PDB file of N, CA and C in Angstrom:
ATOM      1  N   ALA A   1      78.312  38.143  10.306  1.00  0.00           N
ATOM      2  CA  ALA A   1      77.737  39.359   9.733  1.00  0.00           C
ATOM      3  C   ALA A   1      77.604  39.231   8.217  1.00  0.00           C
ATOM      4  N   HIS A   2      78.628  38.661   7.590  1.00  0.00           N
ATOM      5  CA  HIS A   2      78.578  38.499   6.129  1.00  0.00           C
ATOM      6  C   HIS A   2      77.469  37.523   5.723  1.00  0.00           C
ATOM      7  N   ARG A   3      77.309  36.461   6.497  1.00  0.00           N
ATOM      8  CA  ARG A   3      76.266  35.472   6.193  1.00  0.00           C
ATOM      9  C   ARG A   3      74.887  36.096   6.288  1.00  0.00           C
ATOM     10  N   LYS A   4      74.666  36.897   7.336  1.00  0.00           N
ATOM     11  CA  LYS A   4      73.373  37.562   7.510  1.00  0.00           C
ATOM     12  C   LYS A   4      73.107  38.534   6.361  1.00  0.00           C
ATOM     13  N   GLU A   5      74.132  39.250   5.948  1.00  0.00           N
ATOM     14  CA  GLU A   5      73.993  40.197   4.829  1.00  0.00           C
ATOM     15  C   GLU A   5      73.662  39.451   3.535  1.00  0.00           C
ATOM     16  N   MET A   6      74.366  38.359   3.280  1.00  0.00           N
ATOM     17  CA  MET A   6      74.104  37.587   2.063  1.00  0.00           C
ATOM     18  C   MET A   6      72.728  36.952   2.107  1.00  0.00           C
ATOM     19  N   ASP A   7      72.323  36.440   3.263  1.00  0.00           N
ATOM     20  CA  ASP A   7      70.988  35.855   3.388  1.00  0.00           C
ATOM     21  C   ASP A   7      69.912  36.905   3.103  1.00  0.00           C
ATOM     22  N   ALA A   8      70.114  38.130   3.579  1.00  0.00           N
ATOM     23  CA  ALA A   8      69.152  39.206   3.316  1.00  0.00           C
ATOM     24  C   ALA A   8      69.091  39.507   1.815  1.00  0.00           C
ATOM     25  N   ARG A   9      70.232  39.512   1.151  1.00  0.00           N
ATOM     26  CA  ARG A   9      70.255  39.739  -0.304  1.00  0.00           C
ATOM     27  C   ARG A   9      69.524  38.617  -1.035  1.00  0.00           C
ATOM     28  N   ILE A  10      69.747  37.384  -0.592  1.00  0.00           N
ATOM     29  CA  ILE A  10      69.082  36.234  -1.218  1.00  0.00           C
ATOM     30  C   ILE A  10      67.576  36.332  -0.998  1.00  0.00           C
ATOM     31  N   ASP A  11      67.157  36.702   0.211  1.00  0.00           N
ATOM     32  CA  ASP A  11      65.726  36.859   0.500  1.00  0.00           C
ATOM     33  C   ASP A  11      65.088  37.903  -0.421  1.00  0.00           C
ATOM     34  N   ARG A  12      65.751  39.043  -0.581  1.00  0.00           N
ATOM     35  CA  ARG A  12      65.206  40.098  -1.461  1.00  0.00           C
ATOM     36  C   ARG A  12      65.121  39.609  -2.900  1.00  0.00           C
ATOM     37  N   TRP A  13      66.152  38.924  -3.355  1.00  0.00           N
ATOM     38  CA  TRP A  13      66.165  38.404  -4.730  1.00  0.00           C
ATOM     39  C   TRP A  13      65.043  37.384  -4.922  1.00  0.00           C
ATOM     40  N   ALA A  14      64.916  36.439  -3.992  1.00  0.00           N
ATOM     41  CA  ALA A  14      63.903  35.394  -4.122  1.00  0.00           C
ATOM     42  C   ALA A  14      62.494  35.979  -4.061  1.00  0.00           C
ATOM     43  N   ALA A  15      62.293  36.998  -3.223  1.00  0.00           N
ATOM     44  CA  ALA A  15      60.976  37.621  -3.105  1.00  0.00           C
ATOM     45  C   ALA A  15      60.562  38.310  -4.404  1.00  0.00           C
ATOM     46  N   GLY A  16      61.535  38.704  -5.200  1.00  0.00           N
ATOM     47  CA  GLY A  16      61.239  39.391  -6.461  1.00  0.00           C
ATOM     48  C   GLY A  16      61.020  38.461  -7.646  1.00  0.00           C
ATOM     49  N   LEU A  17      61.205  37.168  -7.450  1.00  0.00           N
ATOM     50  CA  LEU A  17      61.011  36.229  -8.558  1.00  0.00           C
ATOM     51  C   LEU A  17      59.524  36.090  -8.871  1.00  0.00           C
ATOM     52  N   THR A  18      59.206  36.129 -10.141  1.00  0.00           N
ATOM     53  CA  THR A  18      57.820  35.963 -10.571  1.00  0.00           C
ATOM     54  C   THR A  18      57.663  34.589 -11.216  1.00  0.00           C
ATOM     55  N   GLU A  19      56.410  34.171 -11.334  1.00  0.00           N
ATOM     56  CA  GLU A  19      56.149  32.877 -11.965  1.00  0.00           C
ATOM     57  C   GLU A  19      56.663  32.862 -13.401  1.00  0.00           C
ATOM     58  N   SER A  20      56.470  33.962 -14.117  1.00  0.00           N
ATOM     59  CA  SER A  20      56.941  33.991 -15.504  1.00  0.00           C
ATOM     60  C   SER A  20      58.465  33.951 -15.573  1.00  0.00           C
ATOM     61  N   ALA A  21      59.117  34.604 -14.618  1.00  0.00           N
ATOM     62  CA  ALA A  21      60.589  34.551 -14.595  1.00  0.00           C
ATOM     63  C   ALA A  21      61.062  33.133 -14.301  1.00  0.00           C
ATOM     64  N   LEU A  22      60.397  32.462 -13.367  1.00  0.00           N
ATOM     65  CA  LEU A  22      60.796  31.100 -13.012  1.00  0.00           C
ATOM     66  C   LEU A  22      60.551  30.116 -14.155  1.00  0.00           C
ATOM     67  N   ASP A  23      59.614  30.429 -15.037  1.00  0.00           N
ATOM     68  CA  ASP A  23      59.332  29.569 -16.191  1.00  0.00           C
ATOM     69  C   ASP A  23      60.269  29.833 -17.378  1.00  0.00           C
ATOM     70  N   ALA A  24      61.038  30.923 -17.310  1.00  0.00           N
ATOM     71  CA  ALA A  24      61.933  31.277 -18.421  1.00  0.00           C
ATOM     72  C   ALA A  24      63.064  30.262 -18.541  1.00  0.00           C
ATOM     73  N   LYS A  25      63.472  30.013 -19.764  1.00  0.00           N
ATOM     74  CA  LYS A  25      64.588  29.107 -20.013  1.00  0.00           C
ATOM     75  C   LYS A  25      65.881  29.914 -20.099  1.00  0.00           C
ATOM     76  N   LEU A  26      66.921  29.343 -19.532  1.00  0.00           N
ATOM     77  CA  LEU A  26      68.250  29.946 -19.583  1.00  0.00           C
ATOM     78  C   LEU A  26      69.162  28.993 -20.337  1.00  0.00           C
ATOM     79  N   GLU A  27      69.970  29.543 -21.175  1.00  0.00           N
ATOM     80  CA  GLU A  27      70.906  28.702 -21.929  1.00  0.00           C
ATOM     81  C   GLU A  27      72.321  28.960 -21.452  1.00  0.00           C
ATOM     82  N   PHE A  28      73.044  27.879 -21.202  1.00  0.00           N
ATOM     83  CA  PHE A  28      74.450  28.014 -20.825  1.00  0.00           C
ATOM     84  C   PHE A  28      75.208  26.787 -21.304  1.00  0.00           C
ATOM     85  N   THR A  29      76.499  26.954 -21.449  1.00  0.00           N
ATOM     86  CA  THR A  29      77.376  25.840 -21.800  1.00  0.00           C
ATOM     87  C   THR A  29      78.206  25.502 -20.578  1.00  0.00           C
ATOM     88  N   SER A  30      78.143  24.253 -20.178  1.00  0.00           N
ATOM     89  CA  SER A  30      78.866  23.788 -19.002  1.00  0.00           C
ATOM     90  C   SER A  30      80.366  23.799 -19.266  1.00  0.00           C
ATOM     91  N   ALA A  31      81.096  24.411 -18.363  1.00  0.00           N
ATOM     92  CA  ALA A  31      82.556  24.404 -18.460  1.00  0.00           C
ATOM     93  C   ALA A  31      83.097  22.999 -18.234  1.00  0.00           C
ATOM     94  N   LEU A  32      82.364  22.204 -17.463  1.00  0.00           N
ATOM     95  CA  LEU A  32      82.804  20.854 -17.139  1.00  0.00           C
ATOM     96  C   LEU A  32      82.546  19.876 -18.288  1.00  0.00           C
ATOM     97  N   THR A  33      81.298  19.868 -18.789  1.00  0.00           N
ATOM     98  CA  THR A  33      80.929  18.877 -19.813  1.00  0.00           C
ATOM     99  C   THR A  33      81.027  19.405 -21.239  1.00  0.00           C
ATOM    100  N   LYS A  34      81.160  20.713 -21.378  1.00  0.00           N
ATOM    101  CA  LYS A  34      81.216  21.377 -22.702  1.00  0.00           C
ATOM    102  C   LYS A  34      79.912  21.208 -23.481  1.00  0.00           C
ATOM    103  N   ARG A  35      78.815  20.877 -22.775  1.00  0.00           N
ATOM    104  CA  ARG A  35      77.507  20.724 -23.409  1.00  0.00           C
ATOM    105  C   ARG A  35      76.649  21.948 -23.103  1.00  0.00           C
ATOM    106  N   THR A  36      75.761  22.277 -24.040  1.00  0.00           N
ATOM    107  CA  THR A  36      74.828  23.381 -23.844  1.00  0.00           C
ATOM    108  C   THR A  36      73.549  22.846 -23.212  1.00  0.00           C
ATOM    109  N   HIS A  37      73.049  23.580 -22.207  1.00  0.00           N
ATOM    110  CA  HIS A  37      71.839  23.196 -21.484  1.00  0.00           C
ATOM    111  C   HIS A  37      70.855  24.367 -21.518  1.00  0.00           C
ATOM    112  N   THR A  38      69.559  24.070 -21.433  1.00  0.00           N
ATOM    113  CA  THR A  38      68.535  25.116 -21.394  1.00  0.00           C
ATOM    114  C   THR A  38      67.475  24.808 -20.329  1.00  0.00           C
ATOM    115  N   PRO A  39      67.859  24.798 -19.064  1.00  0.00           N
ATOM    116  CA  PRO A  39      66.873  24.540 -18.010  1.00  0.00           C
ATOM    117  C   PRO A  39      66.016  25.775 -17.754  1.00  0.00           C
ATOM    118  N   THR A  40      64.877  25.562 -17.121  1.00  0.00           N
ATOM    119  CA  THR A  40      64.073  26.692 -16.669  1.00  0.00           C
ATOM    120  C   THR A  40      64.704  27.250 -15.396  1.00  0.00           C
ATOM    121  N   LEU A  41      64.434  28.516 -15.135  1.00  0.00           N
ATOM    122  CA  LEU A  41      65.037  29.168 -13.979  1.00  0.00           C
ATOM    123  C   LEU A  41      64.645  28.483 -12.678  1.00  0.00           C
ATOM    124  N   TRP A  42      63.416  27.960 -12.577  1.00  0.00           N
ATOM    125  CA  TRP A  42      63.011  27.331 -11.306  1.00  0.00           C
ATOM    126  C   TRP A  42      63.924  26.163 -10.965  1.00  0.00           C
ATOM    127  N   LYS A  43      64.437  25.448 -11.967  1.00  0.00           N
ATOM    128  CA  LYS A  43      65.350  24.334 -11.690  1.00  0.00           C
ATOM    129  C   LYS A  43      66.690  24.851 -11.163  1.00  0.00           C
ATOM    130  N   ILE A  44      67.137  25.964 -11.694  1.00  0.00           N
ATOM    131  CA  ILE A  44      68.400  26.543 -11.238  1.00  0.00           C
ATOM    132  C   ILE A  44      68.243  27.090  -9.817  1.00  0.00           C
ATOM    133  N   VAL A  45      67.101  27.707  -9.531  1.00  0.00           N
ATOM    134  CA  VAL A  45      66.840  28.219  -8.189  1.00  0.00           C
ATOM    135  C   VAL A  45      66.783  27.065  -7.182  1.00  0.00           C
ATOM    136  N   ALA A  46      66.110  25.983  -7.540  1.00  0.00           N
ATOM    137  CA  ALA A  46      66.053  24.817  -6.651  1.00  0.00           C
ATOM    138  C   ALA A  46      67.457  24.282  -6.392  1.00  0.00           C
ATOM    139  N   HIS A  47      68.282  24.229  -7.427  1.00  0.00           N
ATOM    140  CA  HIS A  47      69.661  23.763  -7.263  1.00  0.00           C
ATOM    141  C   HIS A  47      70.445  24.712  -6.355  1.00  0.00           C
ATOM    142  N   PHE A  48      70.240  25.999  -6.526  1.00  0.00           N
ATOM    143  CA  PHE A  48      70.926  27.011  -5.717  1.00  0.00           C
ATOM    144  C   PHE A  48      70.684  26.773  -4.233  1.00  0.00           C
ATOM    145  N   PHE A  49      69.421  26.599  -3.848  1.00  0.00           N
ATOM    146  CA  PHE A  49      69.111  26.396  -2.431  1.00  0.00           C
ATOM    147  C   PHE A  49      69.555  25.022  -1.951  1.00  0.00           C
ATOM    148  N   ASN A  50      69.412  24.001  -2.768  1.00  0.00           N
ATOM    149  CA  ASN A  50      69.863  22.664  -2.390  1.00  0.00           C
ATOM    150  C   ASN A  50      71.379  22.642  -2.198  1.00  0.00           C
ATOM    151  N   HIS A  51      72.113  23.319  -3.061  1.00  0.00           N
ATOM    152  CA  HIS A  51      73.572  23.328  -2.979  1.00  0.00           C
ATOM    153  C   HIS A  51      74.052  24.045  -1.718  1.00  0.00           C
ATOM    154  N   GLN A  52      73.352  25.113  -1.322  1.00  0.00           N
ATOM    155  CA  GLN A  52      73.697  25.799  -0.077  1.00  0.00           C
ATOM    156  C   GLN A  52      73.584  24.850   1.110  1.00  0.00           C
ATOM    157  N   THR A  53      72.524  24.061   1.103  1.00  0.00           N
ATOM    158  CA  THR A  53      72.319  23.092   2.179  1.00  0.00           C
ATOM    159  C   THR A  53      73.492  22.117   2.246  1.00  0.00           C
ATOM    160  N   HIS A  54      73.930  21.672   1.088  1.00  0.00           N
ATOM    161  CA  HIS A  54      75.068  20.747   1.014  1.00  0.00           C
ATOM    162  C   HIS A  54      76.310  21.362   1.671  1.00  0.00           C
ATOM    163  N   HIS A  55      76.644  22.593   1.281  1.00  0.00           N
ATOM    164  CA  HIS A  55      77.858  23.215   1.812  1.00  0.00           C
ATOM    165  C   HIS A  55      77.723  23.599   3.281  1.00  0.00           C
ATOM    166  N   ARG A  56      76.540  23.976   3.708  1.00  0.00           N
ATOM    167  CA  ARG A  56      76.358  24.278   5.130  1.00  0.00           C
ATOM    168  C   ARG A  56      76.526  23.004   5.960  1.00  0.00           C
ATOM    169  N   GLY A  57      76.094  21.878   5.426  1.00  0.00           N
ATOM    170  CA  GLY A  57      76.304  20.603   6.107  1.00  0.00           C
ATOM    171  C   GLY A  57      77.790  20.273   6.213  1.00  0.00           C
ATOM    172  N   GLN A  58      78.531  20.549   5.138  1.00  0.00           N
ATOM    173  CA  GLN A  58      79.976  20.324   5.186  1.00  0.00           C
ATOM    174  C   GLN A  58      80.621  21.191   6.263  1.00  0.00           C
ATOM    175  N   LEU A  59      80.203  22.442   6.320  1.00  0.00           N
ATOM    176  CA  LEU A  59      80.784  23.369   7.281  1.00  0.00           C
ATOM    177  C   LEU A  59      80.500  22.939   8.712  1.00  0.00           C
ATOM    178  N   THR A  60      79.267  22.536   8.999  1.00  0.00           N
ATOM    179  CA  THR A  60      78.961  22.111  10.368  1.00  0.00           C
ATOM    180  C   THR A  60      79.728  20.850  10.736  1.00  0.00           C
ATOM    181  N   ALA A  61      79.958  19.962   9.768  1.00  0.00           N
ATOM    182  CA  ALA A  61      80.751  18.762  10.047  1.00  0.00           C
ATOM    183  C   ALA A  61      82.188  19.139  10.404  1.00  0.00           C
ATOM    184  N   LEU A  62      82.768  20.067   9.657  1.00  0.00           N
ATOM    185  CA  LEU A  62      84.140  20.505   9.941  1.00  0.00           C
ATOM    186  C   LEU A  62      84.233  21.200  11.293  1.00  0.00           C
ATOM    187  N   LEU A  63      83.251  22.059  11.601  1.00  0.00           N
ATOM    188  CA  LEU A  63      83.268  22.740  12.890  1.00  0.00           C
ATOM    189  C   LEU A  63      83.139  21.741  14.035  1.00  0.00           C
ATOM    190  N   CYS A  64      82.267  20.756  13.872  1.00  0.00           N
ATOM    191  CA  CYS A  64      82.083  19.727  14.897  1.00  0.00           C
ATOM    192  C   CYS A  64      83.387  18.954  15.115  1.00  0.00           C
ATOM    193  N   GLN A  65      84.044  18.585  14.022  1.00  0.00           N
ATOM    194  CA  GLN A  65      85.307  17.852  14.123  1.00  0.00           C
ATOM    195  C   GLN A  65      86.378  18.678  14.816  1.00  0.00           C
ATOM    196  N   ALA A  66      86.292  20.004  14.682  1.00  0.00           N
ATOM    197  CA  ALA A  66      87.262  20.898  15.313  1.00  0.00           C
ATOM    198  C   ALA A  66      86.868  21.229  16.751  1.00  0.00           C
ATOM    199  N   GLY A  67      85.743  20.665  17.216  1.00  0.00           N
ATOM    200  CA  GLY A  67      85.318  20.906  18.581  1.00  0.00           C
ATOM    201  C   GLY A  67      84.592  22.218  18.795  1.00  0.00           C
ATOM    202  N   VAL A  68      84.130  22.839  17.722  1.00  0.00           N
ATOM    203  CA  VAL A  68      83.437  24.130  17.817  1.00  0.00           C
ATOM    204  C   VAL A  68      81.935  23.894  17.980  1.00  0.00           C
ATOM    205  N   ASP A  69      81.342  24.569  18.953  1.00  0.00           N
ATOM    206  CA  ASP A  69      79.890  24.506  19.140  1.00  0.00           C
ATOM    207  C   ASP A  69      79.270  25.550  18.224  1.00  0.00           C
ATOM    208  N   TYR A  70      78.658  25.113  17.144  1.00  0.00           N
ATOM    209  CA  TYR A  70      78.076  26.026  16.162  1.00  0.00           C
ATOM    210  C   TYR A  70      76.603  26.298  16.428  1.00  0.00           C
ATOM    211  N   GLY A  71      76.068  25.758  17.506  1.00  0.00           N
ATOM    212  CA  GLY A  71      74.672  26.010  17.862  1.00  0.00           C
ATOM    213  C   GLY A  71      73.730  25.070  17.134  1.00  0.00           C
ATOM    214  N   GLY A  72      72.452  25.304  17.335  1.00  0.00           N
ATOM    215  CA  GLY A  72      71.434  24.464  16.703  1.00  0.00           C
ATOM    216  C   GLY A  72      71.239  24.822  15.242  1.00  0.00           C
ATOM    217  N   THR A  73      70.949  23.825  14.446  1.00  0.00           N
ATOM    218  CA  THR A  73      70.696  24.077  13.023  1.00  0.00           C
ATOM    219  C   THR A  73      69.292  23.652  12.600  1.00  0.00           C
ATOM    220  N   ASP A  74      68.550  23.024  13.506  1.00  0.00           N
ATOM    221  CA  ASP A  74      67.188  22.624  13.170  1.00  0.00           C
ATOM    222  C   ASP A  74      66.281  23.841  13.166  1.00  0.00           C
ATOM    223  N   LEU A  75      65.391  23.931  12.177  1.00  0.00           N
ATOM    224  CA  LEU A  75      64.487  25.074  12.092  1.00  0.00           C
ATOM    225  C   LEU A  75      63.653  25.234  13.354  1.00  0.00           C
ATOM    226  N   LEU A  76      63.286  24.128  13.979  1.00  0.00           N
ATOM    227  CA  LEU A  76      62.479  24.228  15.191  1.00  0.00           C
ATOM    228  C   LEU A  76      63.238  24.865  16.342  1.00  0.00           C
ATOM    229  N   LEU A  77      64.567  24.922  16.245  1.00  0.00           N
ATOM    230  CA  LEU A  77      65.380  25.585  17.267  1.00  0.00           C
ATOM    231  C   LEU A  77      65.639  27.045  16.926  1.00  0.00           C
ATOM    232  N   MET A  78      65.126  27.491  15.788  1.00  0.00           N
ATOM    233  CA  MET A  78      65.350  28.857  15.333  1.00  0.00           C
ATOM    234  C   MET A  78      64.001  29.553  15.127  1.00  0.00           C
ATOM    235  N   PRO A  79      63.352  30.002  16.209  1.00  0.00           N
ATOM    236  CA  PRO A  79      62.024  30.611  16.072  1.00  0.00           C
ATOM    237  C   PRO A  79      62.027  31.825  15.158  1.00  0.00           C
ATOM    238  N   HIS A  80      63.151  32.555  15.070  1.00  0.00           N
ATOM    239  CA  HIS A  80      63.197  33.716  14.182  1.00  0.00           C
ATOM    240  C   HIS A  80      63.020  33.319  12.726  1.00  0.00           C
ATOM    241  N   VAL A  81      63.377  32.078  12.384  1.00  0.00           N
ATOM    242  CA  VAL A  81      63.193  31.588  11.020  1.00  0.00           C
ATOM    243  C   VAL A  81      61.723  31.233  10.797  1.00  0.00           C
ATOM    244  N   LEU A  82      61.133  30.521  11.749  1.00  0.00           N
ATOM    245  CA  LEU A  82      59.756  30.083  11.598  1.00  0.00           C
ATOM    246  C   LEU A  82      58.758  31.223  11.745  1.00  0.00           C
ATOM    247  N   ASP A  83      59.059  32.191  12.616  1.00  0.00           N
ATOM    248  CA  ASP A  83      58.117  33.265  12.882  1.00  0.00           C
ATOM    249  C   ASP A  83      58.333  34.477  11.985  1.00  0.00           C
ATOM    250  N   GLY A  84      59.476  34.522  11.284  1.00  0.00           N
ATOM    251  CA  GLY A  84      59.814  35.709  10.495  1.00  0.00           C
ATOM    252  C   GLY A  84      59.178  35.777   9.229  1.00  0.00           C
TER     253      GLY A  84
END
């Protein structure tokens, strides 16, 4: 239930992104490297979605190792994703 709620929030947020917003530069200082960076928002958004994929892959690996059937993860097995 929490995952579905968060996915809906992410969908609403992503739907509201404009081209000009995605072209905007954001400045931050990395806590890890102590360096200041100024990427465009589209790069941060791409990282956000790529990183989710990474962690979801970790989770499915752990569930598989624990013997849990987590269902299909391929988009072609999820018509609600493709048709929605």
